[in-house]
All heavy atoms as atom14 arrays in JSON, in Angstrom:
{
  "sequence": "GVAMNTGTVAAKEAGNMVDLDSDPTKLIDV",
  "atom14_mask": [
    [1, 1, 1, 1, 0, 0, 0, 0, 0, 0, 0, 0, 0, 0],
    [1, 1, 1, 1, 1, 1, 1, 0, 0, 0, 0, 0, 0, 0],
    [1, 1, 1, 1, 1, 0, 0, 0, 0, 0, 0, 0, 0, 0],
    [1, 1, 1, 1, 1, 1, 1, 1, 0, 0, 0, 0, 0, 0],
    [1, 1, 1, 1, 1, 1, 1, 1, 0, 0, 0, 0, 0, 0],
    [1, 1, 1, 1, 1, 1, 1, 0, 0, 0, 0, 0, 0, 0],
    [1, 1, 1, 1, 0, 0, 0, 0, 0, 0, 0, 0, 0, 0],
    [1, 1, 1, 1, 1, 1, 1, 0, 0, 0, 0, 0, 0, 0],
    [1, 1, 1, 1, 1, 1, 1, 0, 0, 0, 0, 0, 0, 0],
    [1, 1, 1, 1, 1, 0, 0, 0, 0, 0, 0, 0, 0, 0],
    [1, 1, 1, 1, 1, 0, 0, 0, 0, 0, 0, 0, 0, 0],
    [1, 1, 1, 1, 1, 1, 1, 1, 1, 0, 0, 0, 0, 0],
    [1, 1, 1, 1, 1, 1, 1, 1, 1, 0, 0, 0, 0, 0],
    [1, 1, 1, 1, 1, 0, 0, 0, 0, 0, 0, 0, 0, 0],
    [1, 1, 1, 1, 0, 0, 0, 0, 0, 0, 0, 0, 0, 0],
    [1, 1, 1, 1, 1, 1, 1, 1, 0, 0, 0, 0, 0, 0],
    [1, 1, 1, 1, 1, 1, 1, 1, 0, 0, 0, 0, 0, 0],
    [1, 1, 1, 1, 1, 1, 1, 0, 0, 0, 0, 0, 0, 0],
    [1, 1, 1, 1, 1, 1, 1, 1, 0, 0, 0, 0, 0, 0],
    [1, 1, 1, 1, 1, 1, 1, 1, 0, 0, 0, 0, 0, 0],
    [1, 1, 1, 1, 1, 1, 1, 1, 0, 0, 0, 0, 0, 0],
    [1, 1, 1, 1, 1, 1, 0, 0, 0, 0, 0, 0, 0, 0],
    [1, 1, 1, 1, 1, 1, 1, 1, 0, 0, 0, 0, 0, 0],
    [1, 1, 1, 1, 1, 1, 1, 0, 0, 0, 0, 0, 0, 0],
    [1, 1, 1, 1, 1, 1, 1, 0, 0, 0, 0, 0, 0, 0],
    [1, 1, 1, 1, 1, 1, 1, 1, 1, 0, 0, 0, 0, 0],
    [1, 1, 1, 1, 1, 1, 1, 1, 0, 0, 0, 0, 0, 0],
    [1, 1, 1, 1, 1, 1, 1, 1, 0, 0, 0, 0, 0, 0],
    [1, 1, 1, 1, 1, 1, 1, 1, 0, 0, 0, 0, 0, 0],
    [1, 1, 1, 1, 1, 1, 1, 0, 0, 0, 0, 0, 0, 0]
  ],
  "atom14_positions": [
    [[18.42, 161.05, 33.08], [19.85, 160.83, 33.29], [20.09, 159.4, 33.68], [19.74, 158.97, 34.78], [0.0, 0.0, 0.0], [0.0, 0.0, 0.0], [0.0, 0.0, 0.0], [0.0, 0.0, 0.0], [0.0, 0.0, 0.0], [0.0, 0.0, 0.0], [0.0, 0.0, 0.0], [0.0, 0.0, 0.0], [0.0, 0.0, 0.0], [0.0, 0.0, 0.0]],
    [[20.68, 158.61, 32.76], [20.92, 157.18, 33.02], [22.4, 156.99, 33.34], [23.25, 157.13, 32.47], [20.52, 156.31, 31.81], [20.71, 154.83, 32.13], [19.08, 156.57, 31.41], [0.0, 0.0, 0.0], [0.0, 0.0, 0.0], [0.0, 0.0, 0.0], [0.0, 0.0, 0.0], [0.0, 0.0, 0.0], [0.0, 0.0, 0.0], [0.0, 0.0, 0.0]],
    [[22.7, 156.68, 34.6], [24.09, 156.44, 35.02], [24.41, 154.96, 34.9], [23.59, 154.11, 35.25], [24.29, 156.92, 36.44], [0.0, 0.0, 0.0], [0.0, 0.0, 0.0], [0.0, 0.0, 0.0], [0.0, 0.0, 0.0], [0.0, 0.0, 0.0], [0.0, 0.0, 0.0], [0.0, 0.0, 0.0], [0.0, 0.0, 0.0], [0.0, 0.0, 0.0]],
    [[25.6, 154.66, 34.39], [26.05, 153.28, 34.3], [26.46, 152.78, 35.69], [27.11, 153.5, 36.44], [27.24, 153.14, 33.34], [26.98, 153.63, 31.92], [25.76, 152.65, 31.02], [24.33, 153.75, 31.09], [0.0, 0.0, 0.0], [0.0, 0.0, 0.0], [0.0, 0.0, 0.0], [0.0, 0.0, 0.0], [0.0, 0.0, 0.0], [0.0, 0.0, 0.0]],
    [[26.1, 151.55, 36.01], [26.45, 151.0, 37.33], [27.95, 150.85, 37.5], [28.45, 150.83, 38.62], [25.77, 149.64, 37.52], [25.91, 149.13, 38.93], [25.72, 149.87, 39.89], [26.26, 147.86, 39.07], [0.0, 0.0, 0.0], [0.0, 0.0, 0.0], [0.0, 0.0, 0.0], [0.0, 0.0, 0.0], [0.0, 0.0, 0.0], [0.0, 0.0, 0.0]],
    [[28.68, 150.75, 36.38], [30.13, 150.65, 36.46], [30.76, 151.99, 36.79], [31.96, 152.06, 37.02], [30.72, 150.16, 35.12], [30.25, 151.03, 34.07], [30.3, 148.74, 34.82], [0.0, 0.0, 0.0], [0.0, 0.0, 0.0], [0.0, 0.0, 0.0], [0.0, 0.0, 0.0], [0.0, 0.0, 0.0], [0.0, 0.0, 0.0], [0.0, 0.0, 0.0]],
    [[29.97, 153.04, 36.78], [30.51, 154.39, 36.94], [30.77, 154.79, 38.38], [30.69, 154.0, 39.31], [0.0, 0.0, 0.0], [0.0, 0.0, 0.0], [0.0, 0.0, 0.0], [0.0, 0.0, 0.0], [0.0, 0.0, 0.0], [0.0, 0.0, 0.0], [0.0, 0.0, 0.0], [0.0, 0.0, 0.0], [0.0, 0.0, 0.0], [0.0, 0.0, 0.0]],
    [[31.04, 156.08, 38.53], [31.39, 156.6, 39.85], [30.13, 156.86, 40.68], [29.01, 156.94, 40.16], [32.15, 157.93, 39.7], [31.3, 158.88, 39.04], [33.42, 157.75, 38.87], [0.0, 0.0, 0.0], [0.0, 0.0, 0.0], [0.0, 0.0, 0.0], [0.0, 0.0, 0.0], [0.0, 0.0, 0.0], [0.0, 0.0, 0.0], [0.0, 0.0, 0.0]],
    [[30.34, 157.01, 41.98], [29.24, 157.33, 42.89], [28.59, 158.65, 42.5], [27.38, 158.8, 42.52], [29.74, 157.38, 44.35], [28.65, 157.88, 45.28], [30.21, 155.99, 44.78], [0.0, 0.0, 0.0], [0.0, 0.0, 0.0], [0.0, 0.0, 0.0], [0.0, 0.0, 0.0], [0.0, 0.0, 0.0], [0.0, 0.0, 0.0], [0.0, 0.0, 0.0]],
    [[29.42, 159.64, 42.11], [28.9, 160.95, 41.74], [27.94, 160.85, 40.56], [26.89, 161.5, 40.52], [30.06, 161.9, 41.4], [0.0, 0.0, 0.0], [0.0, 0.0, 0.0], [0.0, 0.0, 0.0], [0.0, 0.0, 0.0], [0.0, 0.0, 0.0], [0.0, 0.0, 0.0], [0.0, 0.0, 0.0], [0.0, 0.0, 0.0], [0.0, 0.0, 0.0]],
    [[28.28, 160.02, 39.57], [27.43, 159.86, 38.4], [26.1, 159.21, 38.8], [25.02, 159.63, 38.37], [28.13, 159.01, 37.34], [0.0, 0.0, 0.0], [0.0, 0.0, 0.0], [0.0, 0.0, 0.0], [0.0, 0.0, 0.0], [0.0, 0.0, 0.0], [0.0, 0.0, 0.0], [0.0, 0.0, 0.0], [0.0, 0.0, 0.0], [0.0, 0.0, 0.0]],
    [[26.15, 158.18, 39.66], [24.93, 157.48, 40.05], [24.04, 158.35, 40.93], [22.81, 158.23, 40.9], [25.29, 156.16, 40.76], [25.86, 155.12, 39.81], [25.91, 153.73, 40.44], [27.08, 153.57, 41.35], [27.24, 152.16, 41.79], [0.0, 0.0, 0.0], [0.0, 0.0, 0.0], [0.0, 0.0, 0.0], [0.0, 0.0, 0.0], [0.0, 0.0, 0.0]],
    [[24.65, 159.24, 41.7], [23.86, 160.15, 42.52], [23.2, 161.24, 41.66], [22.1, 161.7, 41.97], [24.74, 160.82, 43.58], [25.24, 159.88, 44.67], [24.13, 159.42, 45.59], [23.09, 160.1, 45.65], [24.3, 158.36, 46.23], [0.0, 0.0, 0.0], [0.0, 0.0, 0.0], [0.0, 0.0, 0.0], [0.0, 0.0, 0.0], [0.0, 0.0, 0.0]],
    [[23.85, 161.64, 40.58], [23.33, 162.72, 39.74], [22.22, 162.25, 38.82], [21.28, 163.02, 38.53], [24.46, 163.34, 38.91], [0.0, 0.0, 0.0], [0.0, 0.0, 0.0], [0.0, 0.0, 0.0], [0.0, 0.0, 0.0], [0.0, 0.0, 0.0], [0.0, 0.0, 0.0], [0.0, 0.0, 0.0], [0.0, 0.0, 0.0], [0.0, 0.0, 0.0]],
    [[22.28, 161.02, 38.34], [21.27, 160.52, 37.41], [19.96, 160.19, 38.12], [19.91, 160.04, 39.34], [0.0, 0.0, 0.0], [0.0, 0.0, 0.0], [0.0, 0.0, 0.0], [0.0, 0.0, 0.0], [0.0, 0.0, 0.0], [0.0, 0.0, 0.0], [0.0, 0.0, 0.0], [0.0, 0.0, 0.0], [0.0, 0.0, 0.0], [0.0, 0.0, 0.0]],
    [[18.88, 160.11, 37.34], [17.6, 159.67, 37.93], [17.27, 158.23, 37.55], [16.2, 157.75, 37.83], [16.45, 160.61, 37.55], [16.43, 160.97, 36.08], [16.83, 160.17, 35.24], [15.96, 162.17, 35.77], [0.0, 0.0, 0.0], [0.0, 0.0, 0.0], [0.0, 0.0, 0.0], [0.0, 0.0, 0.0], [0.0, 0.0, 0.0], [0.0, 0.0, 0.0]],
    [[18.22, 157.56, 36.88], [18.14, 156.12, 36.64], [19.54, 155.54, 36.72], [20.52, 156.22, 36.42], [17.55, 155.81, 35.26], [16.1, 156.16, 35.08], [15.49, 155.53, 33.49], [13.86, 156.29, 33.46], [0.0, 0.0, 0.0], [0.0, 0.0, 0.0], [0.0, 0.0, 0.0], [0.0, 0.0, 0.0], [0.0, 0.0, 0.0], [0.0, 0.0, 0.0]],
    [[19.62, 154.28, 37.13], [20.9, 153.57, 37.15], [20.72, 152.26, 36.39], [19.82, 151.48, 36.7], [21.37, 153.26, 38.59], [22.66, 152.45, 38.56], [21.58, 154.55, 39.38], [0.0, 0.0, 0.0], [0.0, 0.0, 0.0], [0.0, 0.0, 0.0], [0.0, 0.0, 0.0], [0.0, 0.0, 0.0], [0.0, 0.0, 0.0], [0.0, 0.0, 0.0]],
    [[21.56, 152.05, 35.38], [21.53, 150.82, 34.58], [22.52, 149.83, 35.18], [23.74, 150.04, 35.08], [21.86, 151.12, 33.13], [21.91, 149.86, 32.28], [21.4, 148.82, 32.75], [22.47, 149.9, 31.18], [0.0, 0.0, 0.0], [0.0, 0.0, 0.0], [0.0, 0.0, 0.0], [0.0, 0.0, 0.0], [0.0, 0.0, 0.0], [0.0, 0.0, 0.0]],
    [[22.02, 148.78, 35.81], [22.89, 147.82, 36.47], [23.75, 147.03, 35.49], [24.79, 146.51, 35.86], [22.04, 146.85, 37.31], [21.2, 147.49, 38.41], [20.41, 146.42, 39.16], [22.05, 148.3, 39.36], [0.0, 0.0, 0.0], [0.0, 0.0, 0.0], [0.0, 0.0, 0.0], [0.0, 0.0, 0.0], [0.0, 0.0, 0.0], [0.0, 0.0, 0.0]],
    [[23.31, 146.94, 34.22], [24.08, 146.2, 33.21], [25.08, 147.09, 32.49], [25.87, 146.61, 31.67], [23.14, 145.59, 32.16], [22.25, 144.51, 32.76], [22.71, 143.83, 33.69], [21.1, 144.36, 32.3], [0.0, 0.0, 0.0], [0.0, 0.0, 0.0], [0.0, 0.0, 0.0], [0.0, 0.0, 0.0], [0.0, 0.0, 0.0], [0.0, 0.0, 0.0]],
    [[25.03, 148.42, 32.75], [25.93, 149.37, 32.09], [25.88, 149.25, 30.57], [26.89, 149.23, 29.9], [27.37, 149.18, 32.6], [27.43, 149.37, 33.99], [0.0, 0.0, 0.0], [0.0, 0.0, 0.0], [0.0, 0.0, 0.0], [0.0, 0.0, 0.0], [0.0, 0.0, 0.0], [0.0, 0.0, 0.0], [0.0, 0.0, 0.0], [0.0, 0.0, 0.0]],
    [[24.66, 149.17, 30.06], [24.43, 149.05, 28.62], [23.7, 150.31, 28.15], [22.51, 150.46, 28.43], [23.6, 147.81, 28.33], [23.22, 147.68, 26.86], [23.74, 148.46, 26.04], [22.41, 146.8, 26.54], [0.0, 0.0, 0.0], [0.0, 0.0, 0.0], [0.0, 0.0, 0.0], [0.0, 0.0, 0.0], [0.0, 0.0, 0.0], [0.0, 0.0, 0.0]],
    [[24.37, 151.23, 27.46], [23.73, 152.5, 27.1], [22.51, 152.33, 26.19], [21.6, 153.15, 26.22], [24.84, 153.28, 26.39], [25.79, 152.23, 25.91], [25.75, 151.16, 26.95], [0.0, 0.0, 0.0], [0.0, 0.0, 0.0], [0.0, 0.0, 0.0], [0.0, 0.0, 0.0], [0.0, 0.0, 0.0], [0.0, 0.0, 0.0], [0.0, 0.0, 0.0]],
    [[22.48, 151.26, 25.41], [21.34, 151.07, 24.52], [20.13, 150.56, 25.29], [19.07, 150.37, 24.71], [21.7, 150.09, 23.39], [22.03, 148.81, 23.95], [22.87, 150.6, 22.57], [0.0, 0.0, 0.0], [0.0, 0.0, 0.0], [0.0, 0.0, 0.0], [0.0, 0.0, 0.0], [0.0, 0.0, 0.0], [0.0, 0.0, 0.0], [0.0, 0.0, 0.0]],
    [[20.28, 150.34, 26.59], [19.14, 149.97, 27.43], [18.07, 151.06, 27.39], [16.92, 150.81, 27.73], [19.63, 149.75, 28.86], [18.6, 149.2, 29.83], [18.32, 147.74, 29.58], [19.52, 146.89, 29.94], [19.86, 146.89, 31.35], [0.0, 0.0, 0.0], [0.0, 0.0, 0.0], [0.0, 0.0, 0.0], [0.0, 0.0, 0.0], [0.0, 0.0, 0.0]],
    [[18.46, 152.26, 26.95], [17.48, 153.34, 26.87], [16.33, 152.96, 25.95], [15.22, 153.47, 26.1], [18.14, 154.64, 26.39], [17.22, 155.86, 26.5], [17.11, 156.32, 27.95], [17.66, 156.99, 25.62], [0.0, 0.0, 0.0], [0.0, 0.0, 0.0], [0.0, 0.0, 0.0], [0.0, 0.0, 0.0], [0.0, 0.0, 0.0], [0.0, 0.0, 0.0]],
    [[16.56, 152.08, 24.99], [15.48, 151.62, 24.12], [14.4, 150.96, 24.98], [13.2, 151.25, 24.82], [16.0, 150.62, 23.07], [16.91, 151.34, 22.07], [14.85, 149.94, 22.34], [17.53, 150.43, 21.04], [0.0, 0.0, 0.0], [0.0, 0.0, 0.0], [0.0, 0.0, 0.0], [0.0, 0.0, 0.0], [0.0, 0.0, 0.0], [0.0, 0.0, 0.0]],
    [[14.81, 150.12, 25.92], [13.85, 149.49, 26.81], [13.15, 150.52, 27.69], [11.95, 150.43, 27.94], [14.55, 148.45, 27.7], [15.13, 147.29, 26.89], [14.51, 146.91, 25.89], [16.2, 146.79, 27.26], [0.0, 0.0, 0.0], [0.0, 0.0, 0.0], [0.0, 0.0, 0.0], [0.0, 0.0, 0.0], [0.0, 0.0, 0.0], [0.0, 0.0, 0.0]],
    [[13.93, 151.5, 28.17], [13.36, 152.53, 29.03], [12.32, 153.35, 28.27], [11.25, 153.65, 28.8], [14.48, 153.45, 29.58], [13.88, 154.59, 30.41], [15.47, 152.67, 30.42], [0.0, 0.0, 0.0], [0.0, 0.0, 0.0], [0.0, 0.0, 0.0], [0.0, 0.0, 0.0], [0.0, 0.0, 0.0], [0.0, 0.0, 0.0], [0.0, 0.0, 0.0]]
  ]
}
């Protein structure tokens, strides 16, 4: 679960990763 850093606190708490750049394609790097 990759939460965007621009998102809500609830989203960041629920995910097991946080992308500080809020770039969904960062999953390629992950």
